[in-house]
Amino acid sequence: MSDEVADPNPLPSQDPLNSQIVAAVALVNATATSGSSAVARAALEQGIAHSANLAMLNAVAAQQNAYVTANAVVLATTERILRTCGERKAP
């Protein structure tokens, strides 16, 4: 068995090409990392906006249903009043 420890950086650090590769990889990693947080934030904001939109649509639908119900009640009550008045006048 050898007591030698493997070099974690097998490429020579004096090589100018190595430093360019390391810089390029670091730049790509930084770009990907910073961009992904922006994309994640945009997806989150889009989800929040969509949820708010659905809540507003549900509120509008509830208002419309209440309006239809109120109109049905007014119609039924008016019909009943007219029917009752018509029955009283006819002997």
N, C-alpha and C. Protein backbone atom coordinates (compact mmCIF):
# COMPACT_ATOMS: atom_id res chain seq x y z
N MET A 1 0.82 -1.18 0.00
CA MET A 1 0.00 0.00 0.00
C MET A 1 0.87 1.24 0.00
N SER A 2 0.38 2.24 -0.66
CA SER A 2 1.14 3.48 -0.75
C SER A 2 0.58 4.47 0.25
N ASP A 3 1.47 5.25 0.87
CA ASP A 3 1.04 6.28 1.82
C ASP A 3 0.78 7.61 1.13
N GLU A 4 0.86 7.63 -0.21
CA GLU A 4 0.65 8.86 -0.94
C GLU A 4 -0.83 9.24 -0.94
N VAL A 5 -1.12 10.50 -0.76
CA VAL A 5 -2.49 11.02 -0.82
C VAL A 5 -2.71 11.57 -2.22
N ALA A 6 -3.83 11.22 -2.82
CA ALA A 6 -4.13 11.69 -4.18
C ALA A 6 -4.34 13.19 -4.17
N ASP A 7 -3.82 13.86 -5.18
CA ASP A 7 -3.98 15.30 -5.31
C ASP A 7 -5.42 15.61 -5.71
N PRO A 8 -6.14 16.44 -4.93
CA PRO A 8 -7.54 16.74 -5.28
C PRO A 8 -7.65 17.54 -6.57
N ASN A 9 -6.61 18.24 -6.95
CA ASN A 9 -6.60 19.00 -8.19
C ASN A 9 -5.55 18.38 -9.10
N PRO A 10 -5.93 17.40 -9.93
CA PRO A 10 -4.93 16.68 -10.72
C PRO A 10 -4.29 17.53 -11.80
N LEU A 11 -4.93 18.61 -12.23
CA LEU A 11 -4.35 19.45 -13.27
C LEU A 11 -3.35 20.43 -12.64
N PRO A 12 -2.26 20.70 -13.30
CA PRO A 12 -1.30 21.64 -12.73
C PRO A 12 -1.88 23.04 -12.65
N SER A 13 -1.71 23.70 -11.52
CA SER A 13 -2.30 25.03 -11.32
C SER A 13 -1.56 26.10 -12.10
N GLN A 14 -0.36 25.83 -12.56
CA GLN A 14 0.40 26.83 -13.32
C GLN A 14 -0.08 26.93 -14.77
N ASP A 15 -0.84 25.98 -15.22
CA ASP A 15 -1.29 25.96 -16.60
C ASP A 15 -2.31 27.09 -16.82
N PRO A 16 -2.08 28.02 -17.77
CA PRO A 16 -3.04 29.12 -18.00
C PRO A 16 -4.38 28.61 -18.52
N LEU A 17 -4.37 27.50 -19.24
CA LEU A 17 -5.62 26.94 -19.74
C LEU A 17 -6.48 26.44 -18.59
N ASN A 18 -5.84 25.85 -17.57
CA ASN A 18 -6.56 25.36 -16.40
C ASN A 18 -7.28 26.50 -15.69
N SER A 19 -6.62 27.62 -15.52
CA SER A 19 -7.27 28.74 -14.83
C SER A 19 -8.43 29.29 -15.65
N GLN A 20 -8.32 29.25 -16.98
CA GLN A 20 -9.43 29.71 -17.82
C GLN A 20 -10.62 28.76 -17.72
N ILE A 21 -10.33 27.47 -17.67
CA ILE A 21 -11.40 26.48 -17.54
C ILE A 21 -12.10 26.64 -16.21
N VAL A 22 -11.30 26.79 -15.15
CA VAL A 22 -11.88 26.97 -13.81
C VAL A 22 -12.73 28.24 -13.77
N ALA A 23 -12.25 29.32 -14.39
CA ALA A 23 -13.02 30.57 -14.41
C ALA A 23 -14.30 30.40 -15.21
N ALA A 24 -14.24 29.68 -16.34
CA ALA A 24 -15.42 29.48 -17.17
C ALA A 24 -16.46 28.64 -16.44
N VAL A 25 -16.01 27.58 -15.77
CA VAL A 25 -16.94 26.74 -15.01
C VAL A 25 -17.56 27.52 -13.87
N ALA A 26 -16.74 28.34 -13.19
CA ALA A 26 -17.27 29.16 -12.09
C ALA A 26 -18.30 30.15 -12.61
N LEU A 27 -18.05 30.74 -13.79
CA LEU A 27 -19.00 31.69 -14.38
C LEU A 27 -20.30 31.00 -14.75
N VAL A 28 -20.21 29.82 -15.35
CA VAL A 28 -21.42 29.08 -15.72
C VAL A 28 -22.21 28.70 -14.46
N ASN A 29 -21.53 28.25 -13.42
CA ASN A 29 -22.20 27.90 -12.17
C ASN A 29 -22.88 29.11 -11.55
N ALA A 30 -22.20 30.25 -11.55
CA ALA A 30 -22.79 31.46 -10.98
C ALA A 30 -24.00 31.91 -11.79
N THR A 31 -23.89 31.83 -13.11
CA THR A 31 -25.02 32.22 -13.96
C THR A 31 -26.21 31.29 -13.76
N ALA A 32 -25.94 30.01 -13.72
CA ALA A 32 -27.02 29.03 -13.54
C ALA A 32 -27.66 29.17 -12.18
N THR A 33 -26.87 29.39 -11.16
CA THR A 33 -27.40 29.52 -9.80
C THR A 33 -28.22 30.79 -9.64
N SER A 34 -27.70 31.91 -10.12
CA SER A 34 -28.44 33.16 -9.98
C SER A 34 -29.68 33.17 -10.86
N GLY A 35 -29.59 32.57 -12.04
CA GLY A 35 -30.74 32.52 -12.93
C GLY A 35 -31.84 31.62 -12.42
N SER A 36 -31.45 30.53 -11.79
CA SER A 36 -32.46 29.60 -11.32
C SER A 36 -33.27 30.19 -10.17
N SER A 37 -32.64 31.03 -9.35
CA SER A 37 -33.41 31.65 -8.27
C SER A 37 -34.40 32.66 -8.85
N ALA A 38 -34.01 33.33 -9.93
CA ALA A 38 -34.94 34.27 -10.57
C ALA A 38 -36.10 33.53 -11.21
N VAL A 39 -35.81 32.40 -11.83
CA VAL A 39 -36.87 31.60 -12.45
C VAL A 39 -37.80 31.04 -11.38
N ALA A 40 -37.21 30.58 -10.28
CA ALA A 40 -38.04 30.06 -9.20
C ALA A 40 -38.92 31.16 -8.61
N ARG A 41 -38.37 32.34 -8.46
CA ARG A 41 -39.15 33.47 -7.93
C ARG A 41 -40.27 33.84 -8.89
N ALA A 42 -39.97 33.82 -10.19
CA ALA A 42 -41.00 34.14 -11.18
C ALA A 42 -42.11 33.11 -11.16
N ALA A 43 -41.76 31.83 -11.02
CA ALA A 43 -42.78 30.78 -10.95
C ALA A 43 -43.63 30.95 -9.70
N LEU A 44 -43.00 31.32 -8.60
CA LEU A 44 -43.75 31.55 -7.36
C LEU A 44 -44.72 32.73 -7.51
N GLU A 45 -44.22 33.82 -8.09
CA GLU A 45 -45.08 34.99 -8.30
C GLU A 45 -46.24 34.67 -9.24
N GLN A 46 -45.96 33.87 -10.27
CA GLN A 46 -47.02 33.49 -11.21
C GLN A 46 -48.06 32.63 -10.50
N GLY A 47 -47.62 31.73 -9.64
CA GLY A 47 -48.56 30.91 -8.88
C GLY A 47 -49.42 31.74 -7.95
N ILE A 48 -48.82 32.73 -7.31
CA ILE A 48 -49.58 33.61 -6.42
C ILE A 48 -50.60 34.42 -7.21
N ALA A 49 -50.18 34.95 -8.35
CA ALA A 49 -51.10 35.73 -9.19
C ALA A 49 -52.26 34.86 -9.68
N HIS A 50 -51.95 33.62 -10.04
CA HIS A 50 -53.00 32.71 -10.51
C HIS A 50 -53.99 32.40 -9.39
N SER A 51 -53.48 32.19 -8.19
CA SER A 51 -54.36 31.93 -7.04
C SER A 51 -55.25 33.12 -6.74
N ALA A 52 -54.68 34.31 -6.80
CA ALA A 52 -55.48 35.52 -6.57
C ALA A 52 -56.55 35.67 -7.65
N ASN A 53 -56.20 35.34 -8.88
CA ASN A 53 -57.15 35.40 -9.98
C ASN A 53 -58.31 34.43 -9.76
N LEU A 54 -57.99 33.21 -9.34
CA LEU A 54 -59.05 32.23 -9.08
C LEU A 54 -59.95 32.68 -7.94
N ALA A 55 -59.35 33.29 -6.91
CA ALA A 55 -60.16 33.79 -5.79
C ALA A 55 -61.13 34.88 -6.26
N MET A 56 -60.65 35.77 -7.13
CA MET A 56 -61.52 36.83 -7.64
C MET A 56 -62.62 36.25 -8.53
N LEU A 57 -62.27 35.26 -9.35
CA LEU A 57 -63.29 34.63 -10.19
C LEU A 57 -64.35 33.94 -9.34
N ASN A 58 -63.94 33.30 -8.26
CA ASN A 58 -64.90 32.67 -7.36
C ASN A 58 -65.80 33.70 -6.70
N ALA A 59 -65.24 34.84 -6.33
CA ALA A 59 -66.05 35.90 -5.72
C ALA A 59 -67.08 36.43 -6.70
N VAL A 60 -66.67 36.62 -7.95
CA VAL A 60 -67.61 37.10 -8.98
C VAL A 60 -68.71 36.07 -9.21
N ALA A 61 -68.34 34.79 -9.27
CA ALA A 61 -69.34 33.74 -9.48
C ALA A 61 -70.32 33.70 -8.31
N ALA A 62 -69.83 33.88 -7.10
CA ALA A 62 -70.72 33.88 -5.93
C ALA A 62 -71.67 35.08 -5.98
N GLN A 63 -71.16 36.24 -6.41
CA GLN A 63 -72.03 37.41 -6.54
C GLN A 63 -73.10 37.18 -7.60
N GLN A 64 -72.72 36.59 -8.71
CA GLN A 64 -73.69 36.32 -9.76
C GLN A 64 -74.76 35.33 -9.30
N ASN A 65 -74.34 34.29 -8.57
CA ASN A 65 -75.31 33.32 -8.06
C ASN A 65 -76.25 33.97 -7.04
N ALA A 66 -75.72 34.85 -6.20
CA ALA A 66 -76.57 35.55 -5.24
C ALA A 66 -77.57 36.46 -5.96
N TYR A 67 -77.13 37.10 -7.03
CA TYR A 67 -78.01 37.96 -7.81
C TYR A 67 -79.14 37.15 -8.45
N VAL A 68 -78.81 36.00 -9.01
CA VAL A 68 -79.82 35.13 -9.62
C VAL A 68 -80.82 34.66 -8.55
N THR A 69 -80.31 34.27 -7.39
CA THR A 69 -81.18 33.82 -6.31
C THR A 69 -82.10 34.95 -5.84
N ALA A 70 -81.53 36.15 -5.69
CA ALA A 70 -82.35 37.30 -5.27
C ALA A 70 -83.43 37.60 -6.30
N ASN A 71 -83.10 37.53 -7.57
CA ASN A 71 -84.11 37.76 -8.61
C ASN A 71 -85.21 36.70 -8.58
N ALA A 72 -84.82 35.45 -8.32
CA ALA A 72 -85.82 34.38 -8.24
C ALA A 72 -86.75 34.61 -7.05
N VAL A 73 -86.20 35.07 -5.93
CA VAL A 73 -87.03 35.34 -4.75
C VAL A 73 -87.99 36.49 -5.03
N VAL A 74 -87.50 37.56 -5.67
CA VAL A 74 -88.36 38.69 -5.99
C VAL A 74 -89.46 38.26 -6.96
N LEU A 75 -89.12 37.46 -7.94
CA LEU A 75 -90.11 36.99 -8.91
C LEU A 75 -91.17 36.13 -8.22
N ALA A 76 -90.74 35.20 -7.38
CA ALA A 76 -91.70 34.33 -6.68
C ALA A 76 -92.59 35.13 -5.74
N THR A 77 -92.01 36.09 -5.05
CA THR A 77 -92.80 36.91 -4.13
C THR A 77 -93.80 37.77 -4.89
N THR A 78 -93.35 38.38 -5.98
CA THR A 78 -94.24 39.21 -6.79
C THR A 78 -95.39 38.37 -7.37
N GLU A 79 -95.05 37.18 -7.85
CA GLU A 79 -96.09 36.30 -8.38
C GLU A 79 -97.11 35.94 -7.30
N ARG A 80 -96.61 35.67 -6.11
CA ARG A 80 -97.51 35.30 -5.00
C ARG A 80 -98.41 36.47 -4.61
N ILE A 81 -97.82 37.67 -4.58
CA ILE A 81 -98.62 38.86 -4.24
C ILE A 81 -99.70 39.08 -5.29
N LEU A 82 -99.33 38.98 -6.57
CA LEU A 82 -100.31 39.20 -7.63
C LEU A 82 -101.40 38.13 -7.61
N ARG A 83 -101.00 36.88 -7.33
CA ARG A 83 -101.98 35.80 -7.27
C ARG A 83 -102.92 36.02 -6.09
N THR A 84 -102.38 36.44 -4.97
CA THR A 84 -103.21 36.68 -3.77
C THR A 84 -104.16 37.83 -4.00
N CYS A 85 -103.68 38.90 -4.61
CA CYS A 85 -104.55 40.06 -4.88
C CYS A 85 -105.64 39.68 -5.88
N GLY A 86 -105.32 38.87 -6.84
CA GLY A 86 -106.29 38.45 -7.86
C GLY A 86 -107.35 37.54 -7.25
N GLU A 87 -106.97 36.72 -6.26
CA GLU A 87 -107.94 35.83 -5.63
C GLU A 87 -108.89 36.60 -4.74
N ARG A 88 -108.44 37.67 -4.12
CA ARG A 88 -109.30 38.47 -3.23
C ARG A 88 -110.36 39.23 -4.00
N LYS A 89 -109.96 39.72 -5.21
CA LYS A 89 -110.90 40.54 -5.98
C LYS A 89 -111.96 39.69 -6.66
N ALA A 90 -111.66 38.47 -6.95
CA ALA A 90 -112.65 37.63 -7.62
C ALA A 90 -113.55 36.98 -6.57
N PRO A 91 -114.85 37.28 -6.59
CA PRO A 91 -115.77 36.70 -5.59
C PRO A 91 -116.16 35.27 -5.92
